Amino acid sequence: MPSPIKVALAGAGAFGLKHLDGIKLIDGVEVVSLVGRELDKTKEAAATYGVGHVTTDLADSLKLPGLDAVILATPTQMHAAQGLQCMEAGKHVQVEIPLADSLKDAEAVAAMQKRTGLVAMAGHTRRFNPSHQFVHKQILAGKLRVYQMDVQTYFFRRTNMNALGQPRSWTDHLLWHHAAHTVDLFAYQCGSPIVKANALQGPIHPTLGIAMDMSIQLKAANGAICTLSLSFNNDGPLGTFFRYIGDSATYIARYDDLFTGKDEKIDVSKVDVSMNGIELQDREFFAAIREGREPNSSVAQVLPCYRVLNDLETQLN
């Protein structure tokens, strides 16, 4: 039996815990270090998940003997610098979405991966949700051509809270984080690059300094279009909902679940080994390390998404 992949997880917040839950289900992987901003809370999480090493400094984890890889579930503004730090230390790295909050930083991470040859992957989870995988397989089999995607990304976050309703130490962003999911998925599902992108945004929040509402239009080279509506002001059903309108079917994806256009549930339980998109994302990361190959959602594959986000930010500014 091969020796376990030893991984450090940086970020003990809401999303870091989702990764810990997923990794528990993956054979041959051992979380040996947990990095968090608040030492006491990080120690508590480490005790719950049986992680032996706890620190508030990623550099401490990178010095651990035998460490193979790092998963970064830290604040967006830290992603690119920490990704570079991990690869400089010779470690494979998975950077949670977004890879960066600027095109320059995203390109720097991609360039470092190319120089080192290490596995560097971005956490574009929509590529791995069973719902979107089902649609992708229909497309690859020639059974579906996507004409249009209509996407709603809605949250109620008028104060700076995370997914668990806890105060955040950083500010989230509709464009560089939440739109990144859809911009990447649209091009991925169409198998065609985005050639036109437009954006509008609502008023800037007086204290958070970000737009709380946004509308984005995309067009792929093959003619498919996408309309994306985003809001932090929506007091209603929360999350991201995707409607695929194609030549042979209409599908509605709600995270890992999939429905027909008439809201009839489709069984996607056999699409992959799990119904947990985060777990499947992590499985791909560790499989790519073991097999010495490029992962799905590699930093090179997702870089075009960040070029589009940069173009949209330029328009908005």
C-alpha atoms as a PDB file:
ATOM      1  CA  MET A   1       0.000   0.000   0.000  1.00  0.00           C
ATOM      2  CA  PRO A   2       1.430   3.428  -0.936  1.00  0.00           C
ATOM      3  CA  SER A   3       2.287   5.788   1.888  1.00  0.00           C
ATOM      4  CA  PRO A   4      -0.446   8.328   2.709  1.00  0.00           C
ATOM      5  CA  ILE A   5      -0.407  11.775   1.189  1.00  0.00           C
ATOM      6  CA  LYS A   6       0.294  14.184   4.027  1.00  0.00           C
ATOM      7  CA  VAL A   7      -1.630  17.415   3.675  1.00  0.00           C
ATOM      8  CA  ALA A   8      -1.921  20.669   5.608  1.00  0.00           C
ATOM      9  CA  LEU A   9      -5.177  22.606   5.587  1.00  0.00           C
ATOM     10  CA  ALA A  10      -4.962  26.373   5.937  1.00  0.00           C
ATOM     11  CA  GLY A  11      -8.233  27.966   6.984  1.00  0.00           C
ATOM     12  CA  ALA A  12     -10.306  26.582   9.841  1.00  0.00           C
ATOM     13  CA  GLY A  13     -13.473  28.490   8.931  1.00  0.00           C
ATOM     14  CA  ALA A  14     -16.720  27.329   7.334  1.00  0.00           C
ATOM     15  CA  PHE A  15     -15.173  26.058   4.111  1.00  0.00           C
ATOM     16  CA  GLY A  16     -12.084  24.564   5.716  1.00  0.00           C
ATOM     17  CA  LEU A  17     -14.343  22.336   7.818  1.00  0.00           C
ATOM     18  CA  LYS A  18     -16.109  21.169   4.639  1.00  0.00           C
ATOM     19  CA  HIS A  19     -12.742  20.028   3.302  1.00  0.00           C
ATOM     20  CA  LEU A  20     -11.958  18.209   6.552  1.00  0.00           C
ATOM     21  CA  ASP A  21     -15.314  16.431   6.326  1.00  0.00           C
ATOM     22  CA  GLY A  22     -14.574  15.388   2.737  1.00  0.00           C
ATOM     23  CA  ILE A  23     -11.017  14.254   3.372  1.00  0.00           C
ATOM     24  CA  LYS A  24     -12.207  11.945   6.178  1.00  0.00           C
ATOM     25  CA  LEU A  25     -13.868   9.851   3.459  1.00  0.00           C
ATOM     26  CA  ILE A  26     -10.772   9.583   1.230  1.00  0.00           C
ATOM     27  CA  ASP A  27      -8.372   6.682   1.770  1.00  0.00           C
ATOM     28  CA  GLY A  28      -4.636   7.273   1.752  1.00  0.00           C
ATOM     29  CA  VAL A  29      -4.718  10.915   2.872  1.00  0.00           C
ATOM     30  CA  GLU A  30      -3.690  12.254   6.269  1.00  0.00           C
ATOM     31  CA  VAL A  31      -4.279  15.818   7.462  1.00  0.00           C
ATOM     32  CA  VAL A  32      -1.163  16.521   9.539  1.00  0.00           C
ATOM     33  CA  SER A  33      -1.523  20.261  10.157  1.00  0.00           C
ATOM     34  CA  LEU A  34      -4.285  22.820  10.567  1.00  0.00           C
ATOM     35  CA  VAL A  35      -3.623  26.535  10.129  1.00  0.00           C
ATOM     36  CA  GLY A  36      -6.050  29.118  11.488  1.00  0.00           C
ATOM     37  CA  ARG A  37      -6.230  32.778  12.374  1.00  0.00           C
ATOM     38  CA  GLU A  38      -7.473  32.218  15.934  1.00  0.00           C
ATOM     39  CA  LEU A  39      -5.356  29.655  17.797  1.00  0.00           C
ATOM     40  CA  ASP A  40      -7.989  28.489  20.297  1.00  0.00           C
ATOM     41  CA  LYS A  41     -10.669  27.914  17.650  1.00  0.00           C
ATOM     42  CA  THR A  42      -8.133  26.160  15.432  1.00  0.00           C
ATOM     43  CA  LYS A  43      -7.067  23.881  18.279  1.00  0.00           C
ATOM     44  CA  GLU A  44     -10.707  23.026  18.888  1.00  0.00           C
ATOM     45  CA  ALA A  45     -11.246  22.084  15.236  1.00  0.00           C
ATOM     46  CA  ALA A  46      -7.992  20.093  15.180  1.00  0.00           C
ATOM     47  CA  ALA A  47      -9.098  18.106  18.226  1.00  0.00           C
ATOM     48  CA  THR A  48     -12.441  17.342  16.602  1.00  0.00           C
ATOM     49  CA  TYR A  49     -10.806  16.030  13.425  1.00  0.00           C
ATOM     50  CA  GLY A  50      -7.747  14.408  15.015  1.00  0.00           C
ATOM     51  CA  VAL A  51      -5.146  16.750  13.524  1.00  0.00           C
ATOM     52  CA  GLY A  52      -1.906  16.735  15.518  1.00  0.00           C
ATOM     53  CA  HIS A  53      -0.259  20.007  14.497  1.00  0.00           C
ATOM     54  CA  VAL A  54      -1.860  23.431  14.927  1.00  0.00           C
ATOM     55  CA  THR A  55      -0.444  26.829  14.005  1.00  0.00           C
ATOM     56  CA  THR A  56      -1.411  30.351  13.012  1.00  0.00           C
ATOM     57  CA  ASP A  57       1.451  30.578  10.487  1.00  0.00           C
ATOM     58  CA  LEU A  58       1.434  28.630   7.210  1.00  0.00           C
ATOM     59  CA  ALA A  59       5.249  28.730   7.179  1.00  0.00           C
ATOM     60  CA  ASP A  60       5.268  26.454  10.253  1.00  0.00           C
ATOM     61  CA  SER A  61       3.242  23.820   8.410  1.00  0.00           C
ATOM     62  CA  LEU A  62       5.436  24.013   5.324  1.00  0.00           C
ATOM     63  CA  LYS A  63       8.440  23.026   7.454  1.00  0.00           C
ATOM     64  CA  LEU A  64       6.861  19.774   8.647  1.00  0.00           C
ATOM     65  CA  PRO A  65       8.808  16.676   7.527  1.00  0.00           C
ATOM     66  CA  GLY A  66       7.075  14.625   4.853  1.00  0.00           C
ATOM     67  CA  LEU A  67       4.422  17.214   4.028  1.00  0.00           C
ATOM     68  CA  ASP A  68       3.235  16.659   0.444  1.00  0.00           C
ATOM     69  CA  ALA A  69       0.448  19.134  -0.189  1.00  0.00           C
ATOM     70  CA  VAL A  70      -1.580  22.056   1.094  1.00  0.00           C
ATOM     71  CA  ILE A  71      -5.233  23.017   0.700  1.00  0.00           C
ATOM     72  CA  LEU A  72      -5.881  26.749   1.081  1.00  0.00           C
ATOM     73  CA  ALA A  73      -9.309  27.698   2.408  1.00  0.00           C
ATOM     74  CA  THR A  74      -8.121  31.062   3.644  1.00  0.00           C
ATOM     75  CA  PRO A  75      -9.495  34.557   2.893  1.00  0.00           C
ATOM     76  CA  THR A  76      -9.601  35.420  -0.810  1.00  0.00           C
ATOM     77  CA  GLN A  77      -7.010  38.170  -0.474  1.00  0.00           C
ATOM     78  CA  MET A  78      -4.402  35.621   0.723  1.00  0.00           C
ATOM     79  CA  HIS A  79      -4.921  32.945  -1.927  1.00  0.00           C
ATOM     80  CA  ALA A  80      -2.370  33.908  -4.556  1.00  0.00           C
ATOM     81  CA  ALA A  81       0.464  34.774  -2.162  1.00  0.00           C
ATOM     82  CA  GLN A  82      -0.050  31.587  -0.174  1.00  0.00           C
ATOM     83  CA  GLY A  83      -0.287  29.505  -3.341  1.00  0.00           C
ATOM     84  CA  LEU A  84       3.082  30.863  -4.425  1.00  0.00           C
ATOM     85  CA  GLN A  85       4.470  30.260  -0.917  1.00  0.00           C
ATOM     86  CA  CYS A  86       3.421  26.598  -1.020  1.00  0.00           C
ATOM     87  CA  MET A  87       4.937  25.936  -4.431  1.00  0.00           C
ATOM     88  CA  GLU A  88       8.143  27.752  -3.477  1.00  0.00           C
ATOM     89  CA  ALA A  89       8.350  25.233  -0.617  1.00  0.00           C
ATOM     90  CA  GLY A  90       7.924  22.375  -3.100  1.00  0.00           C
ATOM     91  CA  LYS A  91       4.353  21.466  -2.088  1.00  0.00           C
ATOM     92  CA  HIS A  92       1.398  20.641  -4.286  1.00  0.00           C
ATOM     93  CA  VAL A  93      -1.418  23.086  -3.659  1.00  0.00           C
ATOM     94  CA  GLN A  94      -5.163  23.365  -4.046  1.00  0.00           C
ATOM     95  CA  VAL A  95      -6.342  26.962  -3.789  1.00  0.00           C
ATOM     96  CA  GLU A  96     -10.002  27.406  -2.946  1.00  0.00           C
ATOM     97  CA  ILE A  97     -11.995  29.552  -5.334  1.00  0.00           C
ATOM     98  CA  PRO A  98     -11.073  32.222  -6.268  1.00  0.00           C
ATOM     99  CA  LEU A  99      -7.503  31.516  -7.309  1.00  0.00           C
ATOM    100  CA  ALA A 100      -6.823  35.257  -6.907  1.00  0.00           C
ATOM    101  CA  ASP A 101      -8.632  38.575  -6.819  1.00  0.00           C
ATOM    102  CA  SER A 102      -6.644  40.029  -9.711  1.00  0.00           C
ATOM    103  CA  LEU A 103      -5.512  38.761 -13.099  1.00  0.00           C
ATOM    104  CA  LYS A 104      -1.891  39.643 -12.343  1.00  0.00           C
ATOM    105  CA  ASP A 105      -1.860  37.416  -9.257  1.00  0.00           C
ATOM    106  CA  ALA A 106      -3.666  34.566 -11.022  1.00  0.00           C
ATOM    107  CA  GLU A 107      -1.092  34.668 -13.821  1.00  0.00           C
ATOM    108  CA  ALA A 108       1.737  34.601 -11.263  1.00  0.00           C
ATOM    109  CA  VAL A 109       0.352  31.413  -9.702  1.00  0.00           C
ATOM    110  CA  ALA A 110      -0.029  29.793 -13.131  1.00  0.00           C
ATOM    111  CA  ALA A 111       3.535  30.776 -14.059  1.00  0.00           C
ATOM    112  CA  MET A 112       4.884  29.287 -10.817  1.00  0.00           C
ATOM    113  CA  GLN A 113       3.056  26.029 -11.485  1.00  0.00           C
ATOM    114  CA  LYS A 114       4.564  25.860 -14.948  1.00  0.00           C
ATOM    115  CA  ARG A 115       8.075  26.438 -13.554  1.00  0.00           C
ATOM    116  CA  THR A 116       7.776  23.883 -10.760  1.00  0.00           C
ATOM    117  CA  GLY A 117       5.646  21.210 -12.428  1.00  0.00           C
ATOM    118  CA  LEU A 118       3.767  20.734  -9.156  1.00  0.00           C
ATOM    119  CA  VAL A 119       0.052  19.954  -9.038  1.00  0.00           C
ATOM    120  CA  ALA A 120      -1.716  23.308  -8.596  1.00  0.00           C
ATOM    121  CA  MET A 121      -5.474  23.261  -8.681  1.00  0.00           C
ATOM    122  CA  ALA A 122      -8.214  25.810  -8.086  1.00  0.00           C
ATOM    123  CA  GLY A 123     -11.343  24.856  -6.159  1.00  0.00           C
ATOM    124  CA  HIS A 124     -13.871  25.420  -8.935  1.00  0.00           C
ATOM    125  CA  THR A 125     -16.353  23.078  -7.282  1.00  0.00           C
ATOM    126  CA  ARG A 126     -19.058  23.314  -9.955  1.00  0.00           C
ATOM    127  CA  ARG A 127     -16.928  21.141 -12.252  1.00  0.00           C
ATOM    128  CA  PHE A 128     -17.247  18.380  -9.645  1.00  0.00           C
ATOM    129  CA  ASN A 129     -20.837  18.588  -8.389  1.00  0.00           C
ATOM    130  CA  PRO A 130     -22.652  15.428  -9.602  1.00  0.00           C
ATOM    131  CA  SER A 131     -25.400  17.626 -11.074  1.00  0.00           C
ATOM    132  CA  HIS A 132     -23.012  19.490 -13.369  1.00  0.00           C
ATOM    133  CA  GLN A 133     -21.019  16.336 -14.079  1.00  0.00           C
ATOM    134  CA  PHE A 134     -24.216  14.699 -15.369  1.00  0.00           C
ATOM    135  CA  VAL A 135     -24.814  17.600 -17.742  1.00  0.00           C
ATOM    136  CA  HIS A 136     -21.149  17.589 -18.822  1.00  0.00           C
ATOM    137  CA  LYS A 137     -21.326  13.893 -19.704  1.00  0.00           C
ATOM    138  CA  GLN A 138     -24.472  14.491 -21.751  1.00  0.00           C
ATOM    139  CA  ILE A 139     -22.607  17.207 -23.651  1.00  0.00           C
ATOM    140  CA  LEU A 140     -19.507  15.054 -24.245  1.00  0.00           C
ATOM    141  CA  ALA A 141     -21.695  12.192 -25.489  1.00  0.00           C
ATOM    142  CA  GLY A 142     -23.285  14.495 -28.062  1.00  0.00           C
ATOM    143  CA  LYS A 143     -26.708  14.228 -26.375  1.00  0.00           C
ATOM    144  CA  LEU A 144     -26.966  17.893 -25.393  1.00  0.00           C
ATOM    145  CA  ARG A 145     -25.890  21.228 -26.727  1.00  0.00           C
ATOM    146  CA  VAL A 146     -26.263  24.164 -24.366  1.00  0.00           C
ATOM    147  CA  TYR A 147     -27.904  27.206 -25.916  1.00  0.00           C
ATOM    148  CA  GLN A 148     -28.285  29.241 -22.746  1.00  0.00           C
ATOM    149  CA  MET A 149     -27.469  29.197 -19.033  1.00  0.00           C
ATOM    150  CA  ASP A 150     -29.490  31.298 -16.599  1.00  0.00           C
ATOM    151  CA  VAL A 151     -27.862  31.473 -13.180  1.00  0.00           C
ATOM    152  CA  GLN A 152     -28.918  33.044  -9.881  1.00  0.00           C
ATOM    153  CA  THR A 153     -26.374  33.464  -7.078  1.00  0.00           C
ATOM    154  CA  TYR A 154     -28.256  34.819  -4.097  1.00  0.00           C
ATOM    155  CA  PHE A 155     -27.245  35.389  -0.473  1.00  0.00           C
ATOM    156  CA  PHE A 156     -28.424  37.606   2.382  1.00  0.00           C
ATOM    157  CA  ARG A 157     -25.205  39.146   3.674  1.00  0.00           C
ATOM    158  CA  ARG A 158     -25.770  42.795   4.506  1.00  0.00           C
ATOM    159  CA  THR A 159     -23.179  42.403   7.247  1.00  0.00           C
ATOM    160  CA  ASN A 160     -19.793  40.725   6.946  1.00  0.00           C
ATOM    161  CA  MET A 161     -20.723  37.115   7.792  1.00  0.00           C
ATOM    162  CA  ASN A 162     -19.520  33.726   6.562  1.00  0.00           C
ATOM    163  CA  ALA A 163     -21.581  30.701   5.511  1.00  0.00           C
ATOM    164  CA  LEU A 164     -22.052  29.709   9.158  1.00  0.00           C
ATOM    165  CA  GLY A 165     -23.386  33.140  10.106  1.00  0.00           C
ATOM    166  CA  GLN A 166     -20.178  34.039  11.920  1.00  0.00           C
ATOM    167  CA  PRO A 167     -18.354  37.402  11.598  1.00  0.00           C
ATOM    168  CA  ARG A 168     -15.736  37.435   8.843  1.00  0.00           C
ATOM    169  CA  SER A 169     -12.245  38.895   9.144  1.00  0.00           C
ATOM    170  CA  TRP A 170     -12.284  39.752   5.406  1.00  0.00           C
ATOM    171  CA  THR A 171     -14.725  40.918   2.757  1.00  0.00           C
ATOM    172  CA  ASP A 172     -16.207  38.540   0.186  1.00  0.00           C
ATOM    173  CA  HIS A 173     -16.773  39.665  -3.421  1.00  0.00           C
ATOM    174  CA  LEU A 174     -19.555  38.963  -5.908  1.00  0.00           C
ATOM    175  CA  LEU A 175     -17.310  39.309  -8.968  1.00  0.00           C
ATOM    176  CA  TRP A 176     -13.990  37.713  -8.022  1.00  0.00           C
ATOM    177  CA  HIS A 177     -15.494  34.904  -5.952  1.00  0.00           C
ATOM    178  CA  HIS A 178     -19.102  34.105  -6.738  1.00  0.00           C
ATOM    179  CA  ALA A 179     -19.133  35.042 -10.424  1.00  0.00           C
ATOM    180  CA  ALA A 180     -15.954  32.986 -10.915  1.00  0.00           C
ATOM    181  CA  HIS A 181     -17.967  29.789 -10.399  1.00  0.00           C
ATOM    182  CA  THR A 182     -20.322  30.557 -13.260  1.00  0.00           C
ATOM    183  CA  VAL A 183     -17.845  32.186 -15.653  1.00  0.00           C
ATOM    184  CA  ASP A 184     -15.627  29.101 -15.502  1.00  0.00           C
ATOM    185  CA  LEU A 185     -18.507  26.599 -15.619  1.00  0.00           C
ATOM    186  CA  PHE A 186     -20.137  28.272 -18.639  1.00  0.00           C
ATOM    187  CA  ALA A 187     -16.985  27.998 -20.761  1.00  0.00           C
ATOM    188  CA  TYR A 188     -16.303  24.473 -19.440  1.00  0.00           C
ATOM    189  CA  GLN A 189     -19.772  23.175 -20.271  1.00  0.00           C
ATOM    190  CA  CYS A 190     -19.878  24.875 -23.662  1.00  0.00           C
ATOM    191  CA  GLY A 191     -16.395  23.674 -24.540  1.00  0.00           C
ATOM    192  CA  SER A 192     -15.973  27.095 -26.078  1.00  0.00           C
ATOM    193  CA  PRO A 193     -14.134  30.229 -24.908  1.00  0.00           C
ATOM    194  CA  ILE A 194     -16.001  33.324 -23.757  1.00  0.00           C
ATOM    195  CA  VAL A 195     -15.712  36.019 -26.419  1.00  0.00           C
ATOM    196  CA  LYS A 196     -18.017  38.690 -25.037  1.00  0.00           C
ATOM    197  CA  ALA A 197     -18.764  39.744 -21.461  1.00  0.00           C
ATOM    198  CA  ASN A 198     -20.806  42.617 -20.041  1.00  0.00           C
ATOM    199  CA  ALA A 199     -21.483  43.649 -16.435  1.00  0.00           C
ATOM    200  CA  LEU A 200     -23.597  46.080 -14.423  1.00  0.00           C
ATOM    201  CA  GLN A 201     -23.476  46.594 -10.679  1.00  0.00           C
ATOM    202  CA  GLY A 202     -25.716  48.224  -8.102  1.00  0.00           C
ATOM    203  CA  PRO A 203     -24.797  50.683  -5.337  1.00  0.00           C
ATOM    204  CA  ILE A 204     -21.603  50.192  -3.333  1.00  0.00           C
ATOM    205  CA  HIS A 205     -22.175  49.216   0.311  1.00  0.00           C
ATOM    206  CA  PRO A 206     -21.177  52.175   2.536  1.00  0.00           C
ATOM    207  CA  THR A 207     -19.019  50.131   4.943  1.00  0.00           C
ATOM    208  CA  LEU A 208     -18.136  46.921   3.075  1.00  0.00           C
ATOM    209  CA  GLY A 209     -17.038  48.872   0.004  1.00  0.00           C
ATOM    210  CA  ILE A 210     -18.406  46.313  -2.479  1.00  0.00           C
ATOM    211  CA  ALA A 211     -21.344  46.136  -4.853  1.00  0.00           C
ATOM    212  CA  MET A 212     -24.153  44.097  -3.298  1.00  0.00           C
ATOM    213  CA  ASP A 213     -25.960  43.410  -6.589  1.00  0.00           C
ATOM    214  CA  MET A 214     -24.559  42.558  -9.989  1.00  0.00           C
ATOM    215  CA  SER A 215     -25.691  41.411 -13.447  1.00  0.00           C
ATOM    216  CA  ILE A 216     -23.386  39.674 -15.943  1.00  0.00           C
ATOM    217  CA  GLN A 217     -23.916  38.593 -19.558  1.00  0.00           C
ATOM    218  CA  LEU A 218     -21.590  36.181 -21.359  1.00  0.00           C
ATOM    219  CA  LYS A 219     -21.326  34.828 -24.886  1.00  0.00           C
ATOM    220  CA  ALA A 220     -19.205  31.871 -25.993  1.00  0.00           C
ATOM    221  CA  ALA A 221     -17.521  31.511 -29.360  1.00  0.00           C
ATOM    222  CA  ASN A 222     -20.002  28.765 -30.305  1.00  0.00           C
ATOM    223  CA  GLY A 223     -22.936  31.161 -29.814  1.00  0.00           C
ATOM    224  CA  ALA A 224     -24.152  30.001 -26.386  1.00  0.00           C
ATOM    225  CA  ILE A 225     -25.147  32.749 -23.964  1.00  0.00           C
ATOM    226  CA  CYS A 226     -25.278  33.062 -20.179  1.00  0.00           C
ATOM    227  CA  THR A 227     -27.108  35.472 -17.887  1.00  0.00           C
ATOM    228  CA  LEU A 228     -25.903  35.654 -14.288  1.00  0.00           C
ATOM    229  CA  SER A 229     -27.652  37.571 -11.496  1.00  0.00           C
ATOM    230  CA  LEU A 230     -25.841  37.969  -8.154  1.00  0.00           C
ATOM    231  CA  SER A 231     -26.965  39.541  -4.891  1.00  0.00           C
ATOM    232  CA  PHE A 232     -25.994  39.822  -1.238  1.00  0.00           C
ATOM    233  CA  ASN A 233     -29.393  41.496  -0.603  1.00  0.00           C
ATOM    234  CA  ASN A 234     -31.697  38.562  -1.352  1.00  0.00           C
ATOM    235  CA  ASP A 235     -33.898  37.685   1.645  1.00  0.00           C
ATOM    236  CA  GLY A 236     -35.192  34.372   0.342  1.00  0.00           C
ATOM    237  CA  PRO A 237     -33.912  30.986  -0.839  1.00  0.00           C
ATOM    238  CA  LEU A 238     -30.126  31.193  -0.678  1.00  0.00           C
ATOM    239  CA  GLY A 239     -27.493  29.644  -2.912  1.00  0.00           C
ATOM    240  CA  THR A 240     -26.736  29.307  -6.603  1.00  0.00           C
ATOM    241  CA  PHE A 241     -29.206  27.812  -9.049  1.00  0.00           C
ATOM    242  CA  PHE A 242     -28.337  26.976 -12.654  1.00  0.00           C
ATOM    243  CA  ARG A 243     -30.803  26.514 -15.507  1.00  0.00           C
ATOM    244  CA  TYR A 244     -29.359  24.841 -18.594  1.00  0.00           C
ATOM    245  CA  ILE A 245     -31.467  25.363 -21.723  1.00  0.00           C
ATOM    246  CA  GLY A 246     -30.339  23.069 -24.515  1.00  0.00           C
ATOM    247  CA  ASP A 247     -31.376  21.535 -27.805  1.00  0.00           C
ATOM    248  CA  SER A 248     -32.655  18.310 -26.244  1.00  0.00           C
ATOM    249  CA  ALA A 249     -33.388  19.084 -22.602  1.00  0.00           C
ATOM    250  CA  THR A 250     -33.633  21.685 -19.863  1.00  0.00           C
ATOM    251  CA  TYR A 251     -31.888  21.006 -16.556  1.00  0.00           C
ATOM    252  CA  ILE A 252     -31.908  22.823 -13.223  1.00  0.00           C
ATOM    253  CA  ALA A 253     -28.877  22.262 -10.995  1.00  0.00           C
ATOM    254  CA  ARG A 254     -28.991  23.100  -7.293  1.00  0.00           C
ATOM    255  CA  TYR A 255     -25.506  22.321  -5.989  1.00  0.00           C
ATOM    256  CA  ASP A 256     -25.158  18.504  -6.072  1.00  0.00           C
ATOM    257  CA  ASP A 257     -28.816  17.883  -7.052  1.00  0.00           C
ATOM    258  CA  LEU A 258     -30.307  17.983 -10.559  1.00  0.00           C
ATOM    259  CA  PHE A 259     -33.866  18.429 -11.842  1.00  0.00           C
ATOM    260  CA  THR A 260     -35.608  18.580 -15.205  1.00  0.00           C
ATOM    261  CA  GLY A 261     -37.019  21.860 -16.448  1.00  0.00           C
ATOM    262  CA  LYS A 262     -40.334  20.717 -14.944  1.00  0.00           C
ATOM    263  CA  ASP A 263     -38.651  20.300 -11.541  1.00  0.00           C
ATOM    264  CA  GLU A 264     -38.617  16.485 -11.632  1.00  0.00           C
ATOM    265  CA  LYS A 265     -35.613  15.156  -9.707  1.00  0.00           C
ATOM    266  CA  ILE A 266     -32.954  13.245 -11.649  1.00  0.00           C
ATOM    267  CA  ASP A 267     -30.976  10.499  -9.918  1.00  0.00           C
ATOM    268  CA  VAL A 268     -27.306  11.511 -10.130  1.00  0.00           C
ATOM    269  CA  SER A 269     -26.141   9.222  -7.317  1.00  0.00           C
ATOM    270  CA  LYS A 270     -24.234   6.978  -9.761  1.00  0.00           C
ATOM    271  CA  VAL A 271     -22.431   9.805 -11.571  1.00  0.00           C
ATOM    272  CA  ASP A 272     -19.415   9.608  -9.250  1.00  0.00           C
ATOM    273  CA  VAL A 273     -18.274   7.877  -6.064  1.00  0.00           C
ATOM    274  CA  SER A 274     -19.866  10.539  -3.856  1.00  0.00           C
ATOM    275  CA  MET A 275     -22.660  13.080  -3.852  1.00  0.00           C
ATOM    276  CA  ASN A 276     -20.410  15.673  -2.189  1.00  0.00           C
ATOM    277  CA  GLY A 277     -18.846  18.104  -4.639  1.00  0.00           C
ATOM    278  CA  ILE A 278     -16.148  19.240  -2.177  1.00  0.00           C
ATOM    279  CA  GLU A 279     -15.106  15.648  -1.494  1.00  0.00           C
ATOM    280  CA  LEU A 280     -14.962  14.928  -5.240  1.00  0.00           C
ATOM    281  CA  GLN A 281     -12.868  18.043  -5.782  1.00  0.00           C
ATOM    282  CA  ASP A 282     -10.409  16.874  -3.113  1.00  0.00           C
ATOM    283  CA  ARG A 283     -10.357  13.355  -4.556  1.00  0.00           C
ATOM    284  CA  GLU A 284      -9.271  14.809  -7.909  1.00  0.00           C
ATOM    285  CA  PHE A 285      -6.488  16.802  -6.242  1.00  0.00           C
ATOM    286  CA  PHE A 286      -5.027  13.779  -4.463  1.00  0.00           C
ATOM    287  CA  ALA A 287      -5.471  11.495  -7.505  1.00  0.00           C
ATOM    288  CA  ALA A 288      -3.547  13.972  -9.674  1.00  0.00           C
ATOM    289  CA  ILE A 289      -0.711  14.011  -7.123  1.00  0.00           C
ATOM    290  CA  ARG A 290      -0.530  10.194  -7.038  1.00  0.00           C
ATOM    291  CA  GLU A 291      -0.760   9.855 -10.821  1.00  0.00           C
ATOM    292  CA  GLY A 292       1.569  12.753 -11.644  1.00  0.00           C
ATOM    293  CA  ARG A 293      -0.931  14.416 -13.976  1.00  0.00           C
ATOM    294  CA  GLU A 294      -2.750  17.694 -14.481  1.00  0.00           C
ATOM    295  CA  PRO A 295      -5.980  17.814 -12.484  1.00  0.00           C
ATOM    296  CA  ASN A 296      -9.341  18.925 -13.734  1.00  0.00           C
ATOM    297  CA  SER A 297      -9.617  22.583 -12.639  1.00  0.00           C
ATOM    298  CA  SER A 298      -5.861  23.104 -12.757  1.00  0.00           C
ATOM    299  CA  VAL A 299      -4.723  26.707 -12.479  1.00  0.00           C
ATOM    300  CA  ALA A 300      -3.859  26.621 -16.183  1.00  0.00           C
ATOM    301  CA  GLN A 301      -7.371  25.448 -17.111  1.00  0.00           C
ATOM    302  CA  VAL A 302      -9.171  28.099 -15.053  1.00  0.00           C
ATOM    303  CA  LEU A 303      -6.922  31.034 -15.979  1.00  0.00           C
ATOM    304  CA  PRO A 304      -9.236  32.154 -18.848  1.00  0.00           C
ATOM    305  CA  CYS A 305     -11.972  32.669 -16.252  1.00  0.00           C
ATOM    306  CA  TYR A 306      -9.833  35.249 -14.451  1.00  0.00           C
ATOM    307  CA  ARG A 307      -9.121  37.051 -17.715  1.00  0.00           C
ATOM    308  CA  VAL A 308     -12.869  37.464 -18.176  1.00  0.00           C
ATOM    309  CA  LEU A 309     -13.289  38.661 -14.570  1.00  0.00           C
ATOM    310  CA  ASN A 310     -10.534  41.205 -15.170  1.00  0.00           C
ATOM    311  CA  ASP A 311     -12.325  42.457 -18.290  1.00  0.00           C
ATOM    312  CA  LEU A 312     -15.571  42.770 -16.330  1.00  0.00           C
ATOM    313  CA  GLU A 313     -13.867  44.641 -13.484  1.00  0.00           C
ATOM    314  CA  THR A 314     -12.366  47.043 -16.035  1.00  0.00           C
ATOM    315  CA  GLN A 315     -15.863  47.731 -17.394  1.00  0.00           C
ATOM    316  CA  LEU A 316     -17.294  48.308 -13.906  1.00  0.00           C
ATOM    317  CA  ASN A 317     -14.503  50.691 -12.976  1.00  0.00           C
END
